[in-house]
Amino acid sequence: MAVETEMTEALGAAAGRPGEAGGGSARERQLERLRQRAAELRRTVFGTICRGGGGHIPASLSIVEILTVLYEAVLRVDPARPHDPQRDRFILSKGHGCVALYAALAAKGFFPPEQLATYGQAGTMLGGHPDMHKTPGVEASTGSLGHGLAFGAGMALAGKLDKKDYRVFVLLGDGECQEGSVWEAALFAAQHKLDHLTAIIDYNQLQALDRLEEVVELAPLAAKWGAFGWAVREVDGHGVGELMDVLTAAPLAAGRPTAVVAHTIKGKGISFMENVPIWHYRLPDEQERRQACAELGMADPLEGGP
């Protein structure tokens, strides 16, 4: 990954956009804005799940920077025209991380942020997995793992046949990459040269209540995607500069779909949740919640705080 980071910074410098570590006035201001947005989104995710009484906190926190960069700097989407035929499409294949998506959609203006308070309540449009028929901005109903990439490949093929230039981004969990349907879709996308399709893999190396290496090992993951005919880049999944560079550059190669292997930390931002499998679907107790709030820089969501 160090080599890929150096490549990203070199490419950015060559394009007049210094790498994240190198600073640069306009670029650094943009990156700092994205970091602040990501911090806000992380607080929103934690508060929403705590108030709602259940949800996948670590699986949502690991994808915060990815969603921030997509919705703030990459995707061509307009909340005022959610069904614009020319819009870019985003699919959250790992649907259990949906609260992060809800927070990103609310921040983008697809629905009022006040709606987040209904999460976990009867009749809400914000369910435990995304529902395209209920939630504005959701492109595909997901949660049954292994199907998001096939959705995305179909959308990308339709765009190619219709001679539209919209892009399709699919965010997958690493555990769901054990599904055969993922690799069938990967073969299909490569065969049909769907270069407007980008798969982003949340490579936190934890799967539900265990580590990938103890369930079904995926390494070498980047090499596998390359062998299936995809153009591949590995990045720091929490580095907004690296993410912005690779996602704005996609497609990385003409006639080939792009795979971005994003190295992430499950539970990122809350020290006692980071890389700890037991937190996959668990709510913190009062003491843990207060510690998490202190680390995230927010008021306790269950004590009337924002």
C-alpha atoms as a PDB file:
ATOM      1  CA  MET A   1       0.000   0.000   0.000  1.00  0.00           C
ATOM      2  CA  ALA A   2       2.977   2.316   0.585  1.00  0.00           C
ATOM      3  CA  VAL A   3       3.876   2.049  -3.090  1.00  0.00           C
ATOM      4  CA  GLU A   4       0.313   2.913  -4.093  1.00  0.00           C
ATOM      5  CA  THR A   5       0.331   5.909  -1.761  1.00  0.00           C
ATOM      6  CA  GLU A   6       3.534   7.185  -3.327  1.00  0.00           C
ATOM      7  CA  MET A   7       2.022   6.707  -6.772  1.00  0.00           C
ATOM      8  CA  THR A   8      -1.107   8.627  -5.773  1.00  0.00           C
ATOM      9  CA  GLU A   9       0.927  11.549  -4.422  1.00  0.00           C
ATOM     10  CA  ALA A  10       3.156  11.572  -7.493  1.00  0.00           C
ATOM     11  CA  LEU A  11       0.178  11.587  -9.845  1.00  0.00           C
ATOM     12  CA  GLY A  12      -1.465  14.357  -7.847  1.00  0.00           C
ATOM     13  CA  ALA A  13       1.678  16.480  -7.910  1.00  0.00           C
ATOM     14  CA  ALA A  14       2.050  15.940 -11.654  1.00  0.00           C
ATOM     15  CA  ALA A  15      -1.501  17.206 -12.120  1.00  0.00           C
ATOM     16  CA  GLY A  16      -0.853  20.251  -9.951  1.00  0.00           C
ATOM     17  CA  ARG A  17      -2.684  18.646  -7.007  1.00  0.00           C
ATOM     18  CA  PRO A  18      -0.125  17.843  -4.267  1.00  0.00           C
ATOM     19  CA  GLY A  19      -0.671  14.658  -2.270  1.00  0.00           C
ATOM     20  CA  GLU A  20      -2.454  14.761   1.046  1.00  0.00           C
ATOM     21  CA  ALA A  21       0.777  14.829   3.030  1.00  0.00           C
ATOM     22  CA  GLY A  22       2.272  17.583   0.904  1.00  0.00           C
ATOM     23  CA  GLY A  23      -0.234  20.328   1.616  1.00  0.00           C
ATOM     24  CA  GLY A  24      -0.981  22.886  -1.048  1.00  0.00           C
ATOM     25  CA  SER A  25      -3.304  25.820  -0.510  1.00  0.00           C
ATOM     26  CA  ALA A  26      -6.527  25.187  -2.449  1.00  0.00           C
ATOM     27  CA  ARG A  27      -6.202  21.414  -2.313  1.00  0.00           C
ATOM     28  CA  GLU A  28      -5.374  21.346   1.374  1.00  0.00           C
ATOM     29  CA  ARG A  29      -8.370  23.556   2.133  1.00  0.00           C
ATOM     30  CA  GLN A  30     -10.566  21.146   0.221  1.00  0.00           C
ATOM     31  CA  LEU A  31      -9.097  18.141   2.026  1.00  0.00           C
ATOM     32  CA  GLU A  32      -9.541  19.805   5.399  1.00  0.00           C
ATOM     33  CA  ARG A  33     -13.161  20.522   4.544  1.00  0.00           C
ATOM     34  CA  LEU A  34     -13.631  16.845   3.672  1.00  0.00           C
ATOM     35  CA  ARG A  35     -11.981  15.759   6.926  1.00  0.00           C
ATOM     36  CA  GLN A  36     -14.314  18.003   8.889  1.00  0.00           C
ATOM     37  CA  ARG A  37     -17.312  16.674   6.961  1.00  0.00           C
ATOM     38  CA  ALA A  38     -16.194  13.128   7.724  1.00  0.00           C
ATOM     39  CA  ALA A  39     -15.900  13.940  11.427  1.00  0.00           C
ATOM     40  CA  GLU A  40     -19.412  15.380  11.383  1.00  0.00           C
ATOM     41  CA  LEU A  41     -20.760  12.340   9.579  1.00  0.00           C
ATOM     42  CA  ARG A  42     -19.060  10.019  12.084  1.00  0.00           C
ATOM     43  CA  ARG A  43     -20.773  11.847  14.954  1.00  0.00           C
ATOM     44  CA  THR A  44     -24.102  11.686  13.138  1.00  0.00           C
ATOM     45  CA  VAL A  45     -23.750   7.942  12.614  1.00  0.00           C
ATOM     46  CA  PHE A  46     -23.000   7.261  16.258  1.00  0.00           C
ATOM     47  CA  GLY A  47     -25.776   9.512  17.555  1.00  0.00           C
ATOM     48  CA  THR A  48     -28.347   8.121  15.123  1.00  0.00           C
ATOM     49  CA  ILE A  49     -27.674   4.502  16.026  1.00  0.00           C
ATOM     50  CA  CYS A  50     -27.623   5.162  19.761  1.00  0.00           C
ATOM     51  CA  ARG A  51     -30.942   7.011  19.582  1.00  0.00           C
ATOM     52  CA  GLY A  52     -32.436   4.369  17.308  1.00  0.00           C
ATOM     53  CA  GLY A  53     -31.568   1.568  19.700  1.00  0.00           C
ATOM     54  CA  GLY A  54     -29.664  -0.672  17.307  1.00  0.00           C
ATOM     55  CA  GLY A  55     -27.463  -0.838  14.256  1.00  0.00           C
ATOM     56  CA  HIS A  56     -24.022  -1.698  12.937  1.00  0.00           C
ATOM     57  CA  ILE A  57     -21.795   1.025  14.371  1.00  0.00           C
ATOM     58  CA  PRO A  58     -18.322  -0.267  13.351  1.00  0.00           C
ATOM     59  CA  ALA A  59     -19.426  -1.271   9.836  1.00  0.00           C
ATOM     60  CA  SER A  60     -20.795   2.234   9.330  1.00  0.00           C
ATOM     61  CA  LEU A  61     -17.763   4.012  10.772  1.00  0.00           C
ATOM     62  CA  SER A  62     -15.307   2.201   8.499  1.00  0.00           C
ATOM     63  CA  ILE A  63     -16.863   3.739   5.362  1.00  0.00           C
ATOM     64  CA  VAL A  64     -17.298   7.342   6.527  1.00  0.00           C
ATOM     65  CA  GLU A  65     -14.421   8.848   4.539  1.00  0.00           C
ATOM     66  CA  ILE A  66     -15.380   6.884   1.422  1.00  0.00           C
ATOM     67  CA  LEU A  67     -18.945   8.200   1.505  1.00  0.00           C
ATOM     68  CA  THR A  68     -17.807  11.721   2.349  1.00  0.00           C
ATOM     69  CA  VAL A  69     -15.505  11.902  -0.654  1.00  0.00           C
ATOM     70  CA  LEU A  70     -18.085  10.341  -2.966  1.00  0.00           C
ATOM     71  CA  TYR A  71     -20.957  12.646  -2.033  1.00  0.00           C
ATOM     72  CA  GLU A  72     -18.926  15.805  -1.478  1.00  0.00           C
ATOM     73  CA  ALA A  73     -16.372  15.602  -4.288  1.00  0.00           C
ATOM     74  CA  VAL A  74     -17.102  12.863  -6.825  1.00  0.00           C
ATOM     75  CA  LEU A  75     -20.706  11.895  -7.532  1.00  0.00           C
ATOM     76  CA  ARG A  76     -22.726  13.889 -10.031  1.00  0.00           C
ATOM     77  CA  VAL A  77     -26.027  13.809  -8.173  1.00  0.00           C
ATOM     78  CA  ASP A  78     -28.635  16.479  -7.543  1.00  0.00           C
ATOM     79  CA  PRO A  79     -31.169  16.054  -4.711  1.00  0.00           C
ATOM     80  CA  ALA A  80     -33.553  18.277  -6.676  1.00  0.00           C
ATOM     81  CA  ARG A  81     -33.396  15.810  -9.584  1.00  0.00           C
ATOM     82  CA  PRO A  82     -32.939  12.405  -7.923  1.00  0.00           C
ATOM     83  CA  HIS A  83     -33.991  10.505 -11.062  1.00  0.00           C
ATOM     84  CA  ASP A  84     -31.936  12.462 -13.589  1.00  0.00           C
ATOM     85  CA  PRO A  85     -30.975   9.912 -16.302  1.00  0.00           C
ATOM     86  CA  GLN A  86     -27.470  11.388 -16.443  1.00  0.00           C
ATOM     87  CA  ARG A  87     -26.800  11.103 -12.702  1.00  0.00           C
ATOM     88  CA  ASP A  88     -24.020   8.963 -11.291  1.00  0.00           C
ATOM     89  CA  ARG A  89     -25.205   5.919  -9.351  1.00  0.00           C
ATOM     90  CA  PHE A  90     -23.992   4.722  -5.951  1.00  0.00           C
ATOM     91  CA  ILE A  91     -24.877   1.330  -4.462  1.00  0.00           C
ATOM     92  CA  LEU A  92     -24.093   0.335  -0.879  1.00  0.00           C
ATOM     93  CA  SER A  93     -23.773  -3.413  -1.313  1.00  0.00           C
ATOM     94  CA  LYS A  94     -22.918  -3.889   2.390  1.00  0.00           C
ATOM     95  CA  GLY A  95     -26.368  -2.669   3.334  1.00  0.00           C
ATOM     96  CA  HIS A  96     -25.863  -3.100   7.071  1.00  0.00           C
ATOM     97  CA  GLY A  97     -23.664   0.028   6.976  1.00  0.00           C
ATOM     98  CA  CYS A  98     -26.731   2.014   5.906  1.00  0.00           C
ATOM     99  CA  VAL A  99     -26.699   4.608   8.691  1.00  0.00           C
ATOM    100  CA  ALA A 100     -23.526   6.092   7.196  1.00  0.00           C
ATOM    101  CA  LEU A 101     -25.323   6.295   3.847  1.00  0.00           C
ATOM    102  CA  TYR A 102     -28.371   7.912   5.458  1.00  0.00           C
ATOM    103  CA  ALA A 103     -26.151  10.508   7.108  1.00  0.00           C
ATOM    104  CA  ALA A 104     -24.413  11.269   3.803  1.00  0.00           C
ATOM    105  CA  LEU A 105     -27.717  11.557   1.931  1.00  0.00           C
ATOM    106  CA  ALA A 106     -29.178  13.867   4.575  1.00  0.00           C
ATOM    107  CA  ALA A 107     -26.060  16.071   4.487  1.00  0.00           C
ATOM    108  CA  LYS A 108     -26.332  16.233   0.690  1.00  0.00           C
ATOM    109  CA  GLY A 109     -29.961  17.364   0.895  1.00  0.00           C
ATOM    110  CA  PHE A 110     -31.864  14.278  -0.270  1.00  0.00           C
ATOM    111  CA  PHE A 111     -34.053  14.566   2.830  1.00  0.00           C
ATOM    112  CA  PRO A 112     -34.103  16.779   5.929  1.00  0.00           C
ATOM    113  CA  PRO A 113     -31.518  15.811   8.581  1.00  0.00           C
ATOM    114  CA  GLU A 114     -34.374  15.774  11.097  1.00  0.00           C
ATOM    115  CA  GLN A 115     -35.547  12.540   9.467  1.00  0.00           C
ATOM    116  CA  LEU A 116     -32.532  10.772  10.967  1.00  0.00           C
ATOM    117  CA  ALA A 117     -34.290  10.959  14.336  1.00  0.00           C
ATOM    118  CA  THR A 118     -36.895   8.496  12.999  1.00  0.00           C
ATOM    119  CA  TYR A 119     -34.325   5.747  12.473  1.00  0.00           C
ATOM    120  CA  GLY A 120     -35.339   2.711  14.521  1.00  0.00           C
ATOM    121  CA  GLN A 121     -38.957   3.814  14.832  1.00  0.00           C
ATOM    122  CA  ALA A 122     -42.030   2.114  13.388  1.00  0.00           C
ATOM    123  CA  GLY A 123     -42.945   3.389   9.946  1.00  0.00           C
ATOM    124  CA  THR A 124     -39.624   5.107   9.297  1.00  0.00           C
ATOM    125  CA  MET A 125     -38.263   5.440   5.786  1.00  0.00           C
ATOM    126  CA  LEU A 126     -34.812   4.678   7.229  1.00  0.00           C
ATOM    127  CA  GLY A 127     -34.748   0.950   7.813  1.00  0.00           C
ATOM    128  CA  GLY A 128     -32.039  -1.374   9.044  1.00  0.00           C
ATOM    129  CA  HIS A 129     -31.031  -1.864   5.405  1.00  0.00           C
ATOM    130  CA  PRO A 130     -31.467   0.593   2.495  1.00  0.00           C
ATOM    131  CA  ASP A 131     -34.791   0.524   0.655  1.00  0.00           C
ATOM    132  CA  MET A 132     -34.879   2.221  -2.756  1.00  0.00           C
ATOM    133  CA  HIS A 133     -38.659   2.476  -2.587  1.00  0.00           C
ATOM    134  CA  LYS A 134     -38.653   4.430   0.677  1.00  0.00           C
ATOM    135  CA  THR A 135     -35.465   6.445   0.991  1.00  0.00           C
ATOM    136  CA  PRO A 136     -34.651   9.287  -1.429  1.00  0.00           C
ATOM    137  CA  GLY A 137     -31.230   8.874  -2.993  1.00  0.00           C
ATOM    138  CA  VAL A 138     -30.987   5.102  -2.474  1.00  0.00           C
ATOM    139  CA  GLU A 139     -30.405   3.436  -5.851  1.00  0.00           C
ATOM    140  CA  ALA A 140     -30.766  -0.233  -4.843  1.00  0.00           C
ATOM    141  CA  SER A 141     -32.296  -2.152  -1.953  1.00  0.00           C
ATOM    142  CA  THR A 142     -29.411  -4.080  -0.419  1.00  0.00           C
ATOM    143  CA  GLY A 143     -28.581  -6.119   2.631  1.00  0.00           C
ATOM    144  CA  SER A 144     -28.622  -9.623   1.238  1.00  0.00           C
ATOM    145  CA  LEU A 145     -24.875  -9.654   0.728  1.00  0.00           C
ATOM    146  CA  GLY A 146     -23.251 -10.422  -2.579  1.00  0.00           C
ATOM    147  CA  HIS A 147     -25.724  -8.733  -4.908  1.00  0.00           C
ATOM    148  CA  GLY A 148     -24.673  -5.078  -5.074  1.00  0.00           C
ATOM    149  CA  LEU A 149     -21.972  -5.537  -7.712  1.00  0.00           C
ATOM    150  CA  ALA A 150     -24.403  -7.349 -10.010  1.00  0.00           C
ATOM    151  CA  PHE A 151     -26.845  -4.430  -9.594  1.00  0.00           C
ATOM    152  CA  GLY A 152     -24.047  -2.039 -10.476  1.00  0.00           C
ATOM    153  CA  ALA A 153     -22.870  -4.056 -13.469  1.00  0.00           C
ATOM    154  CA  GLY A 154     -26.397  -4.051 -14.847  1.00  0.00           C
ATOM    155  CA  MET A 155     -26.666  -0.283 -14.441  1.00  0.00           C
ATOM    156  CA  ALA A 156     -23.274   0.228 -16.074  1.00  0.00           C
ATOM    157  CA  LEU A 157     -24.208  -2.014 -19.008  1.00  0.00           C
ATOM    158  CA  ALA A 158     -27.480  -0.133 -19.463  1.00  0.00           C
ATOM    159  CA  GLY A 159     -25.559   3.143 -19.531  1.00  0.00           C
ATOM    160  CA  LYS A 160     -23.161   1.784 -22.125  1.00  0.00           C
ATOM    161  CA  LEU A 161     -25.979   0.528 -24.350  1.00  0.00           C
ATOM    162  CA  ASP A 162     -27.804   3.858 -24.001  1.00  0.00           C
ATOM    163  CA  LYS A 163     -24.566   5.746 -24.741  1.00  0.00           C
ATOM    164  CA  LYS A 164     -24.740   7.645 -21.448  1.00  0.00           C
ATOM    165  CA  ASP A 165     -21.606   8.667 -19.590  1.00  0.00           C
ATOM    166  CA  TYR A 166     -22.806   8.261 -16.004  1.00  0.00           C
ATOM    167  CA  ARG A 167     -20.597   6.331 -13.621  1.00  0.00           C
ATOM    168  CA  VAL A 168     -21.620   3.583 -11.201  1.00  0.00           C
ATOM    169  CA  PHE A 169     -19.872   3.136  -7.849  1.00  0.00           C
ATOM    170  CA  VAL A 170     -20.483   0.059  -5.681  1.00  0.00           C
ATOM    171  CA  LEU A 171     -19.195  -0.199  -2.113  1.00  0.00           C
ATOM    172  CA  LEU A 172     -18.704  -3.793  -0.984  1.00  0.00           C
ATOM    173  CA  GLY A 173     -17.760  -5.316   2.331  1.00  0.00           C
ATOM    174  CA  ASP A 174     -14.718  -7.545   2.241  1.00  0.00           C
ATOM    175  CA  GLY A 175     -16.596 -10.448   3.849  1.00  0.00           C
ATOM    176  CA  GLU A 176     -19.191 -10.450   1.078  1.00  0.00           C
ATOM    177  CA  CYS A 177     -16.382 -10.892  -1.435  1.00  0.00           C
ATOM    178  CA  GLN A 178     -16.464 -14.553  -0.412  1.00  0.00           C
ATOM    179  CA  GLU A 179     -19.758 -14.790  -2.327  1.00  0.00           C
ATOM    180  CA  GLY A 180     -19.601 -16.405  -5.745  1.00  0.00           C
ATOM    181  CA  SER A 181     -22.086 -13.865  -7.079  1.00  0.00           C
ATOM    182  CA  VAL A 182     -19.521 -11.111  -6.551  1.00  0.00           C
ATOM    183  CA  TRP A 183     -16.972 -12.839  -8.778  1.00  0.00           C
ATOM    184  CA  GLU A 184     -19.574 -13.732 -11.390  1.00  0.00           C
ATOM    185  CA  ALA A 185     -20.441 -10.033 -11.606  1.00  0.00           C
ATOM    186  CA  ALA A 186     -16.731  -9.160 -11.730  1.00  0.00           C
ATOM    187  CA  LEU A 187     -16.213 -11.499 -14.692  1.00  0.00           C
ATOM    188  CA  PHE A 188     -19.290 -10.088 -16.437  1.00  0.00           C
ATOM    189  CA  ALA A 189     -18.134  -6.488 -15.978  1.00  0.00           C
ATOM    190  CA  ALA A 190     -14.669  -7.210 -17.344  1.00  0.00           C
ATOM    191  CA  GLN A 191     -16.005  -9.148 -20.344  1.00  0.00           C
ATOM    192  CA  HIS A 192     -18.341  -6.296 -21.283  1.00  0.00           C
ATOM    193  CA  LYS A 193     -15.620  -3.663 -20.729  1.00  0.00           C
ATOM    194  CA  LEU A 194     -17.709  -1.696 -18.233  1.00  0.00           C
ATOM    195  CA  ASP A 195     -15.116   0.971 -17.542  1.00  0.00           C
ATOM    196  CA  HIS A 196     -17.686   3.333 -15.977  1.00  0.00           C
ATOM    197  CA  LEU A 197     -18.111   0.832 -13.126  1.00  0.00           C
ATOM    198  CA  THR A 198     -16.028   1.194  -9.957  1.00  0.00           C
ATOM    199  CA  ALA A 199     -16.053  -1.298  -7.090  1.00  0.00           C
ATOM    200  CA  ILE A 200     -14.771  -0.026  -3.737  1.00  0.00           C
ATOM    201  CA  ILE A 201     -13.924  -2.737  -1.238  1.00  0.00           C
ATOM    202  CA  ASP A 202     -14.111  -1.859   2.467  1.00  0.00           C
ATOM    203  CA  TYR A 203     -11.098  -3.987   3.366  1.00  0.00           C
ATOM    204  CA  ASN A 204     -11.207  -3.873   7.168  1.00  0.00           C
ATOM    205  CA  GLN A 205     -10.458  -7.617   7.392  1.00  0.00           C
ATOM    206  CA  LEU A 206     -13.202  -8.315   9.926  1.00  0.00           C
ATOM    207  CA  GLN A 207     -16.297 -10.332   9.132  1.00  0.00           C
ATOM    208  CA  ALA A 208     -19.216 -10.258  11.574  1.00  0.00           C
ATOM    209  CA  LEU A 209     -17.754 -11.736  14.764  1.00  0.00           C
ATOM    210  CA  ASP A 210     -14.366 -12.931  13.498  1.00  0.00           C
ATOM    211  CA  ARG A 211     -11.422 -12.035  11.304  1.00  0.00           C
ATOM    212  CA  LEU A 212     -11.312 -12.862   7.618  1.00  0.00           C
ATOM    213  CA  GLU A 213      -8.242 -15.008   8.036  1.00  0.00           C
ATOM    214  CA  GLU A 214     -10.207 -17.212  10.453  1.00  0.00           C
ATOM    215  CA  VAL A 215     -13.260 -17.504   8.177  1.00  0.00           C
ATOM    216  CA  VAL A 216     -12.231 -17.406   4.498  1.00  0.00           C
ATOM    217  CA  GLU A 217      -9.017 -15.543   3.724  1.00  0.00           C
ATOM    218  CA  LEU A 218      -9.177 -13.153   0.750  1.00  0.00           C
ATOM    219  CA  ALA A 219      -5.522 -12.183   0.389  1.00  0.00           C
ATOM    220  CA  PRO A 220      -4.078 -11.297  -2.021  1.00  0.00           C
ATOM    221  CA  LEU A 221      -7.275  -9.348  -2.670  1.00  0.00           C
ATOM    222  CA  ALA A 222      -5.937  -6.757  -5.114  1.00  0.00           C
ATOM    223  CA  ALA A 223      -4.286  -9.470  -7.209  1.00  0.00           C
ATOM    224  CA  LYS A 224      -7.571 -11.370  -7.414  1.00  0.00           C
ATOM    225  CA  TRP A 225      -9.407  -8.351  -8.851  1.00  0.00           C
ATOM    226  CA  GLY A 226      -6.564  -7.799 -11.291  1.00  0.00           C
ATOM    227  CA  ALA A 227      -6.725 -11.418 -12.410  1.00  0.00           C
ATOM    228  CA  PHE A 228     -10.417 -10.917 -13.169  1.00  0.00           C
ATOM    229  CA  GLY A 229      -9.561  -8.143 -15.610  1.00  0.00           C
ATOM    230  CA  TRP A 230     -10.053  -5.051 -13.453  1.00  0.00           C
ATOM    231  CA  ALA A 231      -7.762  -2.024 -13.120  1.00  0.00           C
ATOM    232  CA  VAL A 232      -6.852  -2.004  -9.419  1.00  0.00           C
ATOM    233  CA  ARG A 233      -5.586   0.562  -6.952  1.00  0.00           C
ATOM    234  CA  GLU A 234      -4.994   0.120  -3.201  1.00  0.00           C
ATOM    235  CA  VAL A 235      -5.506   3.166  -0.958  1.00  0.00           C
ATOM    236  CA  ASP A 236      -5.865   4.224   2.649  1.00  0.00           C
ATOM    237  CA  GLY A 237      -9.636   4.094   3.065  1.00  0.00           C
ATOM    238  CA  HIS A 238      -9.513   6.906   5.624  1.00  0.00           C
ATOM    239  CA  GLY A 239      -7.205   9.161   3.615  1.00  0.00           C
ATOM    240  CA  VAL A 240      -9.474  11.648   1.878  1.00  0.00           C
ATOM    241  CA  GLY A 241      -6.727  12.776  -0.490  1.00  0.00           C
ATOM    242  CA  GLU A 242      -5.990   9.286  -1.749  1.00  0.00           C
ATOM    243  CA  LEU A 243      -9.685   8.518  -2.062  1.00  0.00           C
ATOM    244  CA  MET A 244     -10.419  11.711  -3.968  1.00  0.00           C
ATOM    245  CA  ASP A 245      -7.539  11.151  -6.368  1.00  0.00           C
ATOM    246  CA  VAL A 246      -8.479   7.598  -7.301  1.00  0.00           C
ATOM    247  CA  LEU A 247     -12.263   8.093  -7.376  1.00  0.00           C
ATOM    248  CA  THR A 248     -12.112  11.239  -9.498  1.00  0.00           C
ATOM    249  CA  ALA A 249      -9.643   9.512 -11.838  1.00  0.00           C
ATOM    250  CA  ALA A 250     -11.875   6.473 -12.423  1.00  0.00           C
ATOM    251  CA  PRO A 251     -11.947   4.787 -14.849  1.00  0.00           C
ATOM    252  CA  LEU A 252      -8.283   4.002 -14.371  1.00  0.00           C
ATOM    253  CA  ALA A 253      -7.993   2.179 -17.691  1.00  0.00           C
ATOM    254  CA  ALA A 254     -10.062   2.365 -20.858  1.00  0.00           C
ATOM    255  CA  GLY A 255     -12.214  -0.712 -21.355  1.00  0.00           C
ATOM    256  CA  ARG A 256     -11.635  -2.049 -17.831  1.00  0.00           C
ATOM    257  CA  PRO A 257     -13.747  -1.635 -14.690  1.00  0.00           C
ATOM    258  CA  THR A 258     -11.969  -0.152 -11.677  1.00  0.00           C
ATOM    259  CA  ALA A 259     -11.476  -1.836  -8.294  1.00  0.00           C
ATOM    260  CA  VAL A 260     -10.382   0.285  -5.334  1.00  0.00           C
ATOM    261  CA  VAL A 261      -9.181  -1.782  -2.397  1.00  0.00           C
ATOM    262  CA  ALA A 262      -9.644   0.599   0.529  1.00  0.00           C
ATOM    263  CA  HIS A 263      -7.727  -0.431   3.640  1.00  0.00           C
ATOM    264  CA  THR A 264      -9.960   0.595   6.537  1.00  0.00           C
ATOM    265  CA  ILE A 265     -10.440   0.122  10.260  1.00  0.00           C
ATOM    266  CA  LYS A 266     -13.748  -1.278  11.428  1.00  0.00           C
ATOM    267  CA  GLY A 267     -15.069   1.001  14.166  1.00  0.00           C
ATOM    268  CA  LYS A 268     -12.754   3.844  13.083  1.00  0.00           C
ATOM    269  CA  GLY A 269     -12.843   6.779  15.503  1.00  0.00           C
ATOM    270  CA  ILE A 270     -13.864   4.927  18.671  1.00  0.00           C
ATOM    271  CA  SER A 271     -10.786   3.374  20.239  1.00  0.00           C
ATOM    272  CA  PHE A 272     -12.419   0.468  22.054  1.00  0.00           C
ATOM    273  CA  MET A 273     -14.394  -0.549  18.939  1.00  0.00           C
ATOM    274  CA  GLU A 274     -11.554  -0.398  16.440  1.00  0.00           C
ATOM    275  CA  ASN A 275     -10.703  -3.866  15.084  1.00  0.00           C
ATOM    276  CA  VAL A 276     -12.671  -5.611  17.851  1.00  0.00           C
ATOM    277  CA  PRO A 277     -15.048  -8.205  16.326  1.00  0.00           C
ATOM    278  CA  ILE A 278     -17.529  -8.342  19.229  1.00  0.00           C
ATOM    279  CA  TRP A 279     -18.760  -4.832  18.381  1.00  0.00           C
ATOM    280  CA  HIS A 280     -20.199  -5.867  14.987  1.00  0.00           C
ATOM    281  CA  TYR A 281     -23.787  -5.435  16.239  1.00  0.00           C
ATOM    282  CA  ARG A 282     -23.692  -4.160  19.780  1.00  0.00           C
ATOM    283  CA  LEU A 283     -24.647  -0.936  21.541  1.00  0.00           C
ATOM    284  CA  PRO A 284     -22.361   0.675  24.121  1.00  0.00           C
ATOM    285  CA  ASP A 285     -23.415   0.933  27.727  1.00  0.00           C
ATOM    286  CA  GLU A 286     -23.576   4.332  29.418  1.00  0.00           C
ATOM    287  CA  GLN A 287     -19.889   4.495  30.335  1.00  0.00           C
ATOM    288  CA  GLU A 288     -18.784   3.285  26.898  1.00  0.00           C
ATOM    289  CA  ARG A 289     -21.148   5.705  25.202  1.00  0.00           C
ATOM    290  CA  ARG A 290     -19.730   8.646  27.109  1.00  0.00           C
ATOM    291  CA  GLN A 291     -16.180   7.598  26.267  1.00  0.00           C
ATOM    292  CA  ALA A 292     -17.099   7.292  22.586  1.00  0.00           C
ATOM    293  CA  CYS A 293     -18.705  10.741  22.644  1.00  0.00           C
ATOM    294  CA  ALA A 294     -15.585  12.232  24.195  1.00  0.00           C
ATOM    295  CA  GLU A 295     -13.418  10.687  21.479  1.00  0.00           C
ATOM    296  CA  LEU A 296     -15.761  11.853  18.724  1.00  0.00           C
ATOM    297  CA  GLY A 297     -16.105  15.345  20.194  1.00  0.00           C
ATOM    298  CA  MET A 298     -19.870  15.285  20.663  1.00  0.00           C
ATOM    299  CA  ALA A 299     -22.515  15.497  23.363  1.00  0.00           C
ATOM    300  CA  ASP A 300     -24.137  12.318  24.622  1.00  0.00           C
ATOM    301  CA  PRO A 301     -27.010  11.632  22.187  1.00  0.00           C
ATOM    302  CA  LEU A 302     -29.136  10.165  24.955  1.00  0.00           C
ATOM    303  CA  GLU A 303     -28.778  13.189  27.200  1.00  0.00           C
ATOM    304  CA  GLY A 304     -30.360  15.760  24.915  1.00  0.00           C
ATOM    305  CA  GLY A 305     -27.187  16.650  23.021  1.00  0.00           C
ATOM    306  CA  PRO A 306     -27.038  17.358  19.274  1.00  0.00           C
END
